[in-house]
Structures are given as structure tokens and as C-alpha cells.
Amino acid sequence: MIYDIIGSLLSRYLGFEYVWWAFGSFIIYAVFTIYIDQNNGLTLALISAFSLGVFDGTVGLLIADKLKATIREKDREVIKINFSLIFQMGIIAVAIGLIAILAF
């Protein structure tokens, strides 16, 4: 959540596109999933990664909207919060987390 707040404010005041902040989210998904895997096992790690993606796809995007992050109009259409987007964010987080576990 702090990451989303910082990213939203920086994109707004420095004028860069908020969507570039997604790469940092991917790193967070990877590190978070590896940590949970090493301490609690693969199943809980993947469930946690999915939950983190869902959280990022809802709360993260709401924060960006409320803080008026710089998002192009055509990107706003793509990232409208709905079930499909939320589910996709969860799956992306699981995929990134699983790749990170296998790589490290």
C-alpha cells in the first residue's frame, strides 16, 4: 500500500506514467512469494501471492485513482476495476511468484 501511495504521488508530481510502477510490483510479488515459500511452503506461498495480486488489483488501483496518478485515458479503460482484472492480477502474481521460486 505504501508502494502504491509513493508511486501515485511521484507519477502525479513528476509526470511519469503510473503503469511503469508495475515493474516494482512484480518484484514485490516475487520476493514476497519466495519468502513465504521458504518459511511456510509452496501452497501457502501461491495462495498468498494470489491474495497480494488481488489486493494490488483493488486497493492499489483505488489508491492510484484517489491520488490522481498519471494514467493515460486509453490505459484507464484497460485497468478499470472489475472481476476479470482482479482475477488476472492474482494469476499474474502467482505466475511471477512461481517463476521466482523456480529461478531462485
PDB file of N, CA and C in Angstrom:
ATOM      1  N   MET A   1       0.825  -1.181   0.000  1.00  0.00           N
ATOM      2  CA  MET A   1       0.000   0.000   0.000  1.00  0.00           C
ATOM      3  C   MET A   1       0.877   1.257   0.000  1.00  0.00           C
ATOM      4  N   ILE A   2       1.933   1.254   0.797  1.00  0.00           N
ATOM      5  CA  ILE A   2       2.850   2.391   0.814  1.00  0.00           C
ATOM      6  C   ILE A   2       3.476   2.571  -0.564  1.00  0.00           C
ATOM      7  N   TYR A   3       3.794   1.454  -1.199  1.00  0.00           N
ATOM      8  CA  TYR A   3       4.377   1.487  -2.544  1.00  0.00           C
ATOM      9  C   TYR A   3       3.427   2.177  -3.522  1.00  0.00           C
ATOM     10  N   ASP A   4       2.137   1.856  -3.434  1.00  0.00           N
ATOM     11  CA  ASP A   4       1.142   2.473  -4.318  1.00  0.00           C
ATOM     12  C   ASP A   4       0.985   3.967  -4.040  1.00  0.00           C
ATOM     13  N   ILE A   5       1.033   4.341  -2.780  1.00  0.00           N
ATOM     14  CA  ILE A   5       0.929   5.762  -2.421  1.00  0.00           C
ATOM     15  C   ILE A   5       2.122   6.535  -2.981  1.00  0.00           C
ATOM     16  N   ILE A   6       3.321   6.013  -2.752  1.00  0.00           N
ATOM     17  CA  ILE A   6       4.529   6.681  -3.252  1.00  0.00           C
ATOM     18  C   ILE A   6       4.506   6.761  -4.775  1.00  0.00           C
ATOM     19  N   GLY A   7       4.172   5.649  -5.426  1.00  0.00           N
ATOM     20  CA  GLY A   7       4.122   5.627  -6.888  1.00  0.00           C
ATOM     21  C   GLY A   7       3.102   6.595  -7.453  1.00  0.00           C
ATOM     22  N   SER A   8       1.945   6.651  -6.830  1.00  0.00           N
ATOM     23  CA  SER A   8       0.893   7.561  -7.299  1.00  0.00           C
ATOM     24  C   SER A   8       1.316   9.015  -7.179  1.00  0.00           C
ATOM     25  N   LEU A   9       1.869   9.359  -6.034  1.00  0.00           N
ATOM     26  CA  LEU A   9       2.292  10.745  -5.822  1.00  0.00           C
ATOM     27  C   LEU A   9       3.450  11.129  -6.738  1.00  0.00           C
ATOM     28  N   LEU A  10       4.421  10.234  -6.873  1.00  0.00           N
ATOM     29  CA  LEU A  10       5.552  10.536  -7.753  1.00  0.00           C
ATOM     30  C   LEU A  10       5.106  10.686  -9.202  1.00  0.00           C
ATOM     31  N   SER A  11       4.222   9.801  -9.653  1.00  0.00           N
ATOM     32  CA  SER A  11       3.774   9.898 -11.047  1.00  0.00           C
ATOM     33  C   SER A  11       2.996  11.188 -11.280  1.00  0.00           C
ATOM     34  N   ARG A  12       2.234  11.584 -10.284  1.00  0.00           N
ATOM     35  CA  ARG A  12       1.447  12.812 -10.412  1.00  0.00           C
ATOM     36  C   ARG A  12       2.333  14.053 -10.448  1.00  0.00           C
ATOM     37  N   TYR A  13       3.277  14.120  -9.515  1.00  0.00           N
ATOM     38  CA  TYR A  13       4.080  15.333  -9.401  1.00  0.00           C
ATOM     39  C   TYR A  13       5.288  15.371 -10.337  1.00  0.00           C
ATOM     40  N   LEU A  14       5.788  14.207 -10.731  1.00  0.00           N
ATOM     41  CA  LEU A  14       6.934  14.182 -11.644  1.00  0.00           C
ATOM     42  C   LEU A  14       6.514  13.944 -13.089  1.00  0.00           C
ATOM     43  N   GLY A  15       5.244  13.587 -13.281  1.00  0.00           N
ATOM     44  CA  GLY A  15       4.692  13.489 -14.622  1.00  0.00           C
ATOM     45  C   GLY A  15       5.002  12.225 -15.400  1.00  0.00           C
ATOM     46  N   PHE A  16       5.412  11.148 -14.731  1.00  0.00           N
ATOM     47  CA  PHE A  16       5.626   9.909 -15.473  1.00  0.00           C
ATOM     48  C   PHE A  16       4.405   9.007 -15.357  1.00  0.00           C
ATOM     49  N   GLU A  17       4.289   8.074 -16.276  1.00  0.00           N
ATOM     50  CA  GLU A  17       3.133   7.174 -16.312  1.00  0.00           C
ATOM     51  C   GLU A  17       3.155   6.200 -15.130  1.00  0.00           C
ATOM     52  N   TYR A  18       2.051   6.102 -14.433  1.00  0.00           N
ATOM     53  CA  TYR A  18       1.930   5.215 -13.280  1.00  0.00           C
ATOM     54  C   TYR A  18       2.110   3.748 -13.666  1.00  0.00           C
ATOM     55  N   VAL A  19       1.761   3.386 -14.897  1.00  0.00           N
ATOM     56  CA  VAL A  19       1.859   1.976 -15.315  1.00  0.00           C
ATOM     57  C   VAL A  19       3.292   1.459 -15.232  1.00  0.00           C
ATOM     58  N   TRP A  20       4.296   2.325 -15.332  1.00  0.00           N
ATOM     59  CA  TRP A  20       5.685   1.884 -15.205  1.00  0.00           C
ATOM     60  C   TRP A  20       5.989   1.397 -13.794  1.00  0.00           C
ATOM     61  N   TRP A  21       5.201   1.791 -12.845  1.00  0.00           N
ATOM     62  CA  TRP A  21       5.369   1.383 -11.457  1.00  0.00           C
ATOM     63  C   TRP A  21       5.057  -0.110 -11.294  1.00  0.00           C
ATOM     64  N   ALA A  22       4.420  -0.718 -12.268  1.00  0.00           N
ATOM     65  CA  ALA A  22       4.062  -2.142 -12.205  1.00  0.00           C
ATOM     66  C   ALA A  22       5.291  -3.034 -12.078  1.00  0.00           C
ATOM     67  N   PHE A  23       6.414  -2.645 -12.665  1.00  0.00           N
ATOM     68  CA  PHE A  23       7.613  -3.480 -12.581  1.00  0.00           C
ATOM     69  C   PHE A  23       8.061  -3.660 -11.134  1.00  0.00           C
ATOM     70  N   GLY A  24       7.924  -2.634 -10.337  1.00  0.00           N
ATOM     71  CA  GLY A  24       8.235  -2.753  -8.914  1.00  0.00           C
ATOM     72  C   GLY A  24       7.274  -3.692  -8.212  1.00  0.00           C
ATOM     73  N   SER A  25       6.003  -3.649  -8.612  1.00  0.00           N
ATOM     74  CA  SER A  25       5.016  -4.576  -8.048  1.00  0.00           C
ATOM     75  C   SER A  25       5.408  -6.011  -8.357  1.00  0.00           C
ATOM     76  N   PHE A  26       5.895  -6.253  -9.570  1.00  0.00           N
ATOM     77  CA  PHE A  26       6.307  -7.606  -9.947  1.00  0.00           C
ATOM     78  C   PHE A  26       7.459  -8.087  -9.068  1.00  0.00           C
ATOM     79  N   ILE A  27       8.384  -7.200  -8.756  1.00  0.00           N
ATOM     80  CA  ILE A  27       9.495  -7.561  -7.867  1.00  0.00           C
ATOM     81  C   ILE A  27       8.965  -7.880  -6.477  1.00  0.00           C
ATOM     82  N   ILE A  28       8.009  -7.090  -6.008  1.00  0.00           N
ATOM     83  CA  ILE A  28       7.404  -7.353  -4.696  1.00  0.00           C
ATOM     84  C   ILE A  28       6.711  -8.711  -4.703  1.00  0.00           C
ATOM     85  N   TYR A  29       5.958  -9.033  -5.765  1.00  0.00           N
ATOM     86  CA  TYR A  29       5.309 -10.348  -5.863  1.00  0.00           C
ATOM     87  C   TYR A  29       6.349 -11.459  -5.745  1.00  0.00           C
ATOM     88  N   ALA A  30       7.460 -11.317  -6.458  1.00  0.00           N
ATOM     89  CA  ALA A  30       8.489 -12.358  -6.476  1.00  0.00           C
ATOM     90  C   ALA A  30       9.126 -12.544  -5.101  1.00  0.00           C
ATOM     91  N   VAL A  31       9.568 -11.456  -4.497  1.00  0.00           N
ATOM     92  CA  VAL A  31      10.242 -11.530  -3.201  1.00  0.00           C
ATOM     93  C   VAL A  31       9.292 -12.052  -2.129  1.00  0.00           C
ATOM     94  N   PHE A  32       8.071 -11.559  -2.123  1.00  0.00           N
ATOM     95  CA  PHE A  32       7.058 -11.983  -1.157  1.00  0.00           C
ATOM     96  C   PHE A  32       6.797 -13.485  -1.275  1.00  0.00           C
ATOM     97  N   THR A  33       6.634 -13.973  -2.494  1.00  0.00           N
ATOM     98  CA  THR A  33       6.329 -15.387  -2.708  1.00  0.00           C
ATOM     99  C   THR A  33       7.503 -16.270  -2.308  1.00  0.00           C
ATOM    100  N   ILE A  34       8.717 -15.861  -2.644  1.00  0.00           N
ATOM    101  CA  ILE A  34       9.899 -16.634  -2.239  1.00  0.00           C
ATOM    102  C   ILE A  34       9.985 -16.706  -0.721  1.00  0.00           C
ATOM    103  N   TYR A  35       9.768 -15.594  -0.055  1.00  0.00           N
ATOM    104  CA  TYR A  35       9.835 -15.558   1.409  1.00  0.00           C
ATOM    105  C   TYR A  35       8.805 -16.503   2.038  1.00  0.00           C
ATOM    106  N   ILE A  36       7.568 -16.430   1.581  1.00  0.00           N
ATOM    107  CA  ILE A  36       6.521 -17.300   2.134  1.00  0.00           C
ATOM    108  C   ILE A  36       6.838 -18.759   1.834  1.00  0.00           C
ATOM    109  N   ASP A  37       7.324 -19.052   0.630  1.00  0.00           N
ATOM    110  CA  ASP A  37       7.680 -20.425   0.265  1.00  0.00           C
ATOM    111  C   ASP A  37       8.752 -20.979   1.190  1.00  0.00           C
ATOM    112  N   GLN A  38       9.773 -20.208   1.463  1.00  0.00           N
ATOM    113  CA  GLN A  38      10.874 -20.676   2.304  1.00  0.00           C
ATOM    114  C   GLN A  38      10.460 -20.868   3.757  1.00  0.00           C
ATOM    115  N   ASN A  39       9.466 -20.127   4.197  1.00  0.00           N
ATOM    116  CA  ASN A  39       9.062 -20.205   5.600  1.00  0.00           C
ATOM    117  C   ASN A  39       7.799 -21.018   5.851  1.00  0.00           C
ATOM    118  N   ASN A  40       6.933 -21.153   4.838  1.00  0.00           N
ATOM    119  CA  ASN A  40       5.650 -21.814   5.072  1.00  0.00           C
ATOM    120  C   ASN A  40       5.241 -22.813   4.003  1.00  0.00           C
ATOM    121  N   GLY A  41       6.007 -22.967   2.954  1.00  0.00           N
ATOM    122  CA  GLY A  41       5.696 -23.948   1.924  1.00  0.00           C
ATOM    123  C   GLY A  41       5.063 -23.352   0.680  1.00  0.00           C
ATOM    124  N   LEU A  42       5.085 -24.162  -0.371  1.00  0.00           N
ATOM    125  CA  LEU A  42       4.650 -23.714  -1.690  1.00  0.00           C
ATOM    126  C   LEU A  42       3.165 -23.366  -1.747  1.00  0.00           C
ATOM    127  N   THR A  43       2.320 -24.200  -1.168  1.00  0.00           N
ATOM    128  CA  THR A  43       0.877 -23.958  -1.255  1.00  0.00           C
ATOM    129  C   THR A  43       0.506 -22.607  -0.658  1.00  0.00           C
ATOM    130  N   LEU A  44       0.969 -22.353   0.544  1.00  0.00           N
ATOM    131  CA  LEU A  44       0.664 -21.073   1.188  1.00  0.00           C
ATOM    132  C   LEU A  44       1.304 -19.910   0.426  1.00  0.00           C
ATOM    133  N   ALA A  45       2.480 -20.136  -0.149  1.00  0.00           N
ATOM    134  CA  ALA A  45       3.146 -19.084  -0.922  1.00  0.00           C
ATOM    135  C   ALA A  45       2.308 -18.684  -2.129  1.00  0.00           C
ATOM    136  N   LEU A  46       1.763 -19.660  -2.844  1.00  0.00           N
ATOM    137  CA  LEU A  46       0.971 -19.355  -4.035  1.00  0.00           C
ATOM    138  C   LEU A  46      -0.374 -18.731  -3.675  1.00  0.00           C
ATOM    139  N   ILE A  47      -0.985 -19.195  -2.587  1.00  0.00           N
ATOM    140  CA  ILE A  47      -2.234 -18.583  -2.119  1.00  0.00           C
ATOM    141  C   ILE A  47      -1.973 -17.131  -1.701  1.00  0.00           C
ATOM    142  N   SER A  48      -0.867 -16.912  -1.016  1.00  0.00           N
ATOM    143  CA  SER A  48      -0.508 -15.562  -0.577  1.00  0.00           C
ATOM    144  C   SER A  48      -0.202 -14.653  -1.761  1.00  0.00           C
ATOM    145  N   ALA A  49       0.474 -15.193  -2.769  1.00  0.00           N
ATOM    146  CA  ALA A  49       0.767 -14.401  -3.970  1.00  0.00           C
ATOM    147  C   ALA A  49      -0.525 -13.988  -4.660  1.00  0.00           C
ATOM    148  N   PHE A  50      -1.461 -14.927  -4.774  1.00  0.00           N
ATOM    149  CA  PHE A  50      -2.747 -14.607  -5.392  1.00  0.00           C
ATOM    150  C   PHE A  50      -3.446 -13.499  -4.601  1.00  0.00           C
ATOM    151  N   SER A  51      -3.443 -13.630  -3.283  1.00  0.00           N
ATOM    152  CA  SER A  51      -4.077 -12.621  -2.429  1.00  0.00           C
ATOM    153  C   SER A  51      -3.415 -11.258  -2.589  1.00  0.00           C
ATOM    154  N   LEU A  52      -2.096 -11.247  -2.700  1.00  0.00           N
ATOM    155  CA  LEU A  52      -1.379  -9.986  -2.892  1.00  0.00           C
ATOM    156  C   LEU A  52      -1.744  -9.352  -4.231  1.00  0.00           C
ATOM    157  N   GLY A  53      -1.847 -10.166  -5.269  1.00  0.00           N
ATOM    158  CA  GLY A  53      -2.253  -9.651  -6.578  1.00  0.00           C
ATOM    159  C   GLY A  53      -3.658  -9.075  -6.556  1.00  0.00           C
ATOM    160  N   VAL A  54      -4.564  -9.769  -5.868  1.00  0.00           N
ATOM    161  CA  VAL A  54      -5.944  -9.283  -5.737  1.00  0.00           C
ATOM    162  C   VAL A  54      -5.961  -7.955  -4.977  1.00  0.00           C
ATOM    163  N   PHE A  55      -5.195  -7.882  -3.907  1.00  0.00           N
ATOM    164  CA  PHE A  55      -5.102  -6.647  -3.128  1.00  0.00           C
ATOM    165  C   PHE A  55      -4.573  -5.504  -3.995  1.00  0.00           C
ATOM    166  N   ASP A  56      -3.524  -5.794  -4.746  1.00  0.00           N
ATOM    167  CA  ASP A  56      -2.934  -4.773  -5.613  1.00  0.00           C
ATOM    168  C   ASP A  56      -3.897  -4.356  -6.720  1.00  0.00           C
ATOM    169  N   GLY A  57      -4.683  -5.305  -7.210  1.00  0.00           N
ATOM    170  CA  GLY A  57      -5.640  -5.017  -8.276  1.00  0.00           C
ATOM    171  C   GLY A  57      -6.878  -4.270  -7.803  1.00  0.00           C
ATOM    172  N   THR A  58      -7.080  -4.202  -6.506  1.00  0.00           N
ATOM    173  CA  THR A  58      -8.223  -3.453  -5.974  1.00  0.00           C
ATOM    174  C   THR A  58      -7.733  -2.219  -5.223  1.00  0.00           C
ATOM    175  N   VAL A  59      -7.155  -2.427  -4.067  1.00  0.00           N
ATOM    176  CA  VAL A  59      -6.723  -1.316  -3.218  1.00  0.00           C
ATOM    177  C   VAL A  59      -5.651  -0.475  -3.914  1.00  0.00           C
ATOM    178  N   GLY A  60      -4.696  -1.139  -4.560  1.00  0.00           N
ATOM    179  CA  GLY A  60      -3.635  -0.406  -5.247  1.00  0.00           C
ATOM    180  C   GLY A  60      -4.169   0.525  -6.320  1.00  0.00           C
ATOM    181  N   LEU A  61      -5.107   0.017  -7.117  1.00  0.00           N
ATOM    182  CA  LEU A  61      -5.682   0.851  -8.176  1.00  0.00           C
ATOM    183  C   LEU A  61      -6.605   1.932  -7.620  1.00  0.00           C
ATOM    184  N   LEU A  62      -7.299   1.635  -6.533  1.00  0.00           N
ATOM    185  CA  LEU A  62      -8.130   2.661  -5.893  1.00  0.00           C
ATOM    186  C   LEU A  62      -7.264   3.802  -5.357  1.00  0.00           C
ATOM    187  N   ILE A  63      -6.126   3.447  -4.768  1.00  0.00           N
ATOM    188  CA  ILE A  63      -5.203   4.466  -4.265  1.00  0.00           C
ATOM    189  C   ILE A  63      -4.709   5.334  -5.417  1.00  0.00           C
ATOM    190  N   ALA A  64      -4.315   4.691  -6.514  1.00  0.00           N
ATOM    191  CA  ALA A  64      -3.831   5.442  -7.681  1.00  0.00           C
ATOM    192  C   ALA A  64      -4.907   6.388  -8.200  1.00  0.00           C
ATOM    193  N   ASP A  65      -6.141   5.929  -8.204  1.00  0.00           N
ATOM    194  CA  ASP A  65      -7.246   6.768  -8.676  1.00  0.00           C
ATOM    195  C   ASP A  65      -7.485   7.947  -7.733  1.00  0.00           C
ATOM    196  N   LYS A  66      -7.550   7.673  -6.442  1.00  0.00           N
ATOM    197  CA  LYS A  66      -7.825   8.732  -5.463  1.00  0.00           C
ATOM    198  C   LYS A  66      -6.711   9.771  -5.405  1.00  0.00           C
ATOM    199  N   LEU A  67      -5.466   9.329  -5.598  1.00  0.00           N
ATOM    200  CA  LEU A  67      -4.341  10.264  -5.545  1.00  0.00           C
ATOM    201  C   LEU A  67      -4.018  10.857  -6.913  1.00  0.00           C
ATOM    202  N   LYS A  68      -4.874  10.548  -7.889  1.00  0.00           N
ATOM    203  CA  LYS A  68      -4.759  11.112  -9.239  1.00  0.00           C
ATOM    204  C   LYS A  68      -3.397  10.862  -9.882  1.00  0.00           C
ATOM    205  N   ALA A  69      -2.992   9.583  -9.846  1.00  0.00           N
ATOM    206  CA  ALA A  69      -1.752   9.190 -10.519  1.00  0.00           C
ATOM    207  C   ALA A  69      -1.888   9.458 -12.017  1.00  0.00           C
ATOM    208  N   THR A  70      -0.775   9.684 -12.678  1.00  0.00           N
ATOM    209  CA  THR A  70      -0.773   9.955 -14.115  1.00  0.00           C
ATOM    210  C   THR A  70      -1.023   8.657 -14.880  1.00  0.00           C
ATOM    211  N   ILE A  71      -2.222   8.552 -15.462  1.00  0.00           N
ATOM    212  CA  ILE A  71      -2.610   7.372 -16.241  1.00  0.00           C
ATOM    213  C   ILE A  71      -3.270   7.868 -17.520  1.00  0.00           C
ATOM    214  N   ARG A  72      -2.763   7.429 -18.671  1.00  0.00           N
ATOM    215  CA  ARG A  72      -3.348   7.840 -19.952  1.00  0.00           C
ATOM    216  C   ARG A  72      -4.779   7.330 -20.053  1.00  0.00           C
ATOM    217  N   GLU A  73      -5.590   8.036 -20.805  1.00  0.00           N
ATOM    218  CA  GLU A  73      -7.001   7.662 -20.975  1.00  0.00           C
ATOM    219  C   GLU A  73      -7.158   6.250 -21.517  1.00  0.00           C
ATOM    220  N   LYS A  74      -6.369   5.876 -22.520  1.00  0.00           N
ATOM    221  CA  LYS A  74      -6.513   4.533 -23.085  1.00  0.00           C
ATOM    222  C   LYS A  74      -6.107   3.462 -22.068  1.00  0.00           C
ATOM    223  N   ASP A  75      -5.182   3.773 -21.159  1.00  0.00           N
ATOM    224  CA  ASP A  75      -4.818   2.829 -20.104  1.00  0.00           C
ATOM    225  C   ASP A  75      -5.903   2.752 -19.036  1.00  0.00           C
ATOM    226  N   ARG A  76      -6.608   3.844 -18.806  1.00  0.00           N
ATOM    227  CA  ARG A  76      -7.704   3.838 -17.828  1.00  0.00           C
ATOM    228  C   ARG A  76      -8.782   2.828 -18.211  1.00  0.00           C
ATOM    229  N   GLU A  77      -9.022   2.687 -19.503  1.00  0.00           N
ATOM    230  CA  GLU A  77     -10.014   1.716 -19.978  1.00  0.00           C
ATOM    231  C   GLU A  77      -9.569   0.291 -19.673  1.00  0.00           C
ATOM    232  N   VAL A  78      -8.271   0.045 -19.776  1.00  0.00           N
ATOM    233  CA  VAL A  78      -7.731  -1.301 -19.562  1.00  0.00           C
ATOM    234  C   VAL A  78      -7.734  -1.669 -18.086  1.00  0.00           C
ATOM    235  N   ILE A  79      -7.494  -0.701 -17.211  1.00  0.00           N
ATOM    236  CA  ILE A  79      -7.347  -1.022 -15.791  1.00  0.00           C
ATOM    237  C   ILE A  79      -8.574  -0.673 -14.953  1.00  0.00           C
ATOM    238  N   LYS A  80      -9.737  -0.660 -15.561  1.00  0.00           N
ATOM    239  CA  LYS A  80     -10.952  -0.479 -14.766  1.00  0.00           C
ATOM    240  C   LYS A  80     -11.109  -1.673 -13.832  1.00  0.00           C
ATOM    241  N   ILE A  81     -11.429  -1.389 -12.584  1.00  0.00           N
ATOM    242  CA  ILE A  81     -11.536  -2.451 -11.593  1.00  0.00           C
ATOM    243  C   ILE A  81     -12.813  -3.251 -11.843  1.00  0.00           C
ATOM    244  N   ASN A  82     -12.623  -4.530 -12.142  1.00  0.00           N
ATOM    245  CA  ASN A  82     -13.733  -5.465 -12.305  1.00  0.00           C
ATOM    246  C   ASN A  82     -13.221  -6.856 -11.954  1.00  0.00           C
ATOM    247  N   PHE A  83     -14.109  -7.833 -11.935  1.00  0.00           N
ATOM    248  CA  PHE A  83     -13.720  -9.176 -11.521  1.00  0.00           C
ATOM    249  C   PHE A  83     -12.598  -9.724 -12.387  1.00  0.00           C
ATOM    250  N   SER A  84     -12.687  -9.512 -13.686  1.00  0.00           N
ATOM    251  CA  SER A  84     -11.683 -10.038 -14.611  1.00  0.00           C
ATOM    252  C   SER A  84     -10.296  -9.472 -14.303  1.00  0.00           C
ATOM    253  N   LEU A  85     -10.201  -8.171 -14.118  1.00  0.00           N
ATOM    254  CA  LEU A  85      -8.915  -7.551 -13.813  1.00  0.00           C
ATOM    255  C   LEU A  85      -8.366  -8.056 -12.483  1.00  0.00           C
ATOM    256  N   ILE A  86      -9.215  -8.122 -11.484  1.00  0.00           N
ATOM    257  CA  ILE A  86      -8.784  -8.571 -10.158  1.00  0.00           C
ATOM    258  C   ILE A  86      -8.259 -10.000 -10.228  1.00  0.00           C
ATOM    259  N   PHE A  87      -8.981 -10.878 -10.917  1.00  0.00           N
ATOM    260  CA  PHE A  87      -8.559 -12.274 -11.058  1.00  0.00           C
ATOM    261  C   PHE A  87      -7.242 -12.356 -11.835  1.00  0.00           C
ATOM    262  N   GLN A  88      -7.130 -11.577 -12.901  1.00  0.00           N
ATOM    263  CA  GLN A  88      -5.897 -11.573 -13.697  1.00  0.00           C
ATOM    264  C   GLN A  88      -4.701 -11.115 -12.868  1.00  0.00           C
ATOM    265  N   MET A  89      -4.895 -10.115 -12.031  1.00  0.00           N
ATOM    266  CA  MET A  89      -3.802  -9.644 -11.178  1.00  0.00           C
ATOM    267  C   MET A  89      -3.364 -10.741 -10.212  1.00  0.00           C
ATOM    268  N   GLY A  90      -4.324 -11.492  -9.679  1.00  0.00           N
ATOM    269  CA  GLY A  90      -3.980 -12.614  -8.812  1.00  0.00           C
ATOM    270  C   GLY A  90      -3.182 -13.673  -9.548  1.00  0.00           C
ATOM    271  N   ILE A  91      -3.608 -14.011 -10.754  1.00  0.00           N
ATOM    272  CA  ILE A  91      -2.914 -15.023 -11.558  1.00  0.00           C
ATOM    273  C   ILE A  91      -1.520 -14.538 -11.954  1.00  0.00           C
ATOM    274  N   ILE A  92      -1.397 -13.275 -12.324  1.00  0.00           N
ATOM    275  CA  ILE A  92      -0.081 -12.722 -12.671  1.00  0.00           C
ATOM    276  C   ILE A  92       0.859 -12.804 -11.471  1.00  0.00           C
ATOM    277  N   ALA A  93       0.364 -12.469 -10.297  1.00  0.00           N
ATOM    278  CA  ALA A  93       1.192 -12.532  -9.090  1.00  0.00           C
ATOM    279  C   ALA A  93       1.640 -13.964  -8.814  1.00  0.00           C
ATOM    280  N   VAL A  94       0.740 -14.935  -8.994  1.00  0.00           N
ATOM    281  CA  VAL A  94       1.097 -16.347  -8.805  1.00  0.00           C
ATOM    282  C   VAL A  94       2.155 -16.764  -9.824  1.00  0.00           C
ATOM    283  N   ALA A  95       1.959 -16.394 -11.081  1.00  0.00           N
ATOM    284  CA  ALA A  95       2.914 -16.767 -12.130  1.00  0.00           C
ATOM    285  C   ALA A  95       4.297 -16.180 -11.849  1.00  0.00           C
ATOM    286  N   ILE A  96       4.341 -14.913 -11.495  1.00  0.00           N
ATOM    287  CA  ILE A  96       5.627 -14.273 -11.197  1.00  0.00           C
ATOM    288  C   ILE A  96       6.262 -14.911  -9.969  1.00  0.00           C
ATOM    289  N   GLY A  97       5.459 -15.170  -8.953  1.00  0.00           N
ATOM    290  CA  GLY A  97       5.977 -15.812  -7.751  1.00  0.00           C
ATOM    291  C   GLY A  97       6.516 -17.203  -8.021  1.00  0.00           C
ATOM    292  N   LEU A  98       5.807 -17.980  -8.820  1.00  0.00           N
ATOM    293  CA  LEU A  98       6.245 -19.337  -9.144  1.00  0.00           C
ATOM    294  C   LEU A  98       7.536 -19.310  -9.962  1.00  0.00           C
ATOM    295  N   ILE A  99       7.614 -18.409 -10.916  1.00  0.00           N
ATOM    296  CA  ILE A  99       8.850 -18.267 -11.702  1.00  0.00           C
ATOM    297  C   ILE A  99      10.013 -17.890 -10.786  1.00  0.00           C
ATOM    298  N   ALA A 100       9.771 -16.992  -9.852  1.00  0.00           N
ATOM    299  CA  ALA A 100      10.822 -16.573  -8.918  1.00  0.00           C
ATOM    300  C   ALA A 100      11.273 -17.736  -8.039  1.00  0.00           C
ATOM    301  N   ILE A 101      10.333 -18.534  -7.562  1.00  0.00           N
ATOM    302  CA  ILE A 101      10.678 -19.696  -6.734  1.00  0.00           C
ATOM    303  C   ILE A 101      11.534 -20.670  -7.536  1.00  0.00           C
ATOM    304  N   LEU A 102      11.126 -20.933  -8.766  1.00  0.00           N
ATOM    305  CA  LEU A 102      11.874 -21.870  -9.605  1.00  0.00           C
ATOM    306  C   LEU A 102      13.250 -21.321  -9.986  1.00  0.00           C
ATOM    307  N   ALA A 103      13.347 -20.012 -10.144  1.00  0.00           N
ATOM    308  CA  ALA A 103      14.615 -19.395 -10.547  1.00  0.00           C
ATOM    309  C   ALA A 103      15.601 -19.260  -9.389  1.00  0.00           C
ATOM    310  N   PHE A 104      15.072 -19.103  -8.182  1.00  0.00           N
ATOM    311  CA  PHE A 104      15.947 -18.885  -7.039  1.00  0.00           C
ATOM    312  C   PHE A 104      15.791 -19.978  -6.020  1.00  0.00           C
TER     313      PHE A 104
END
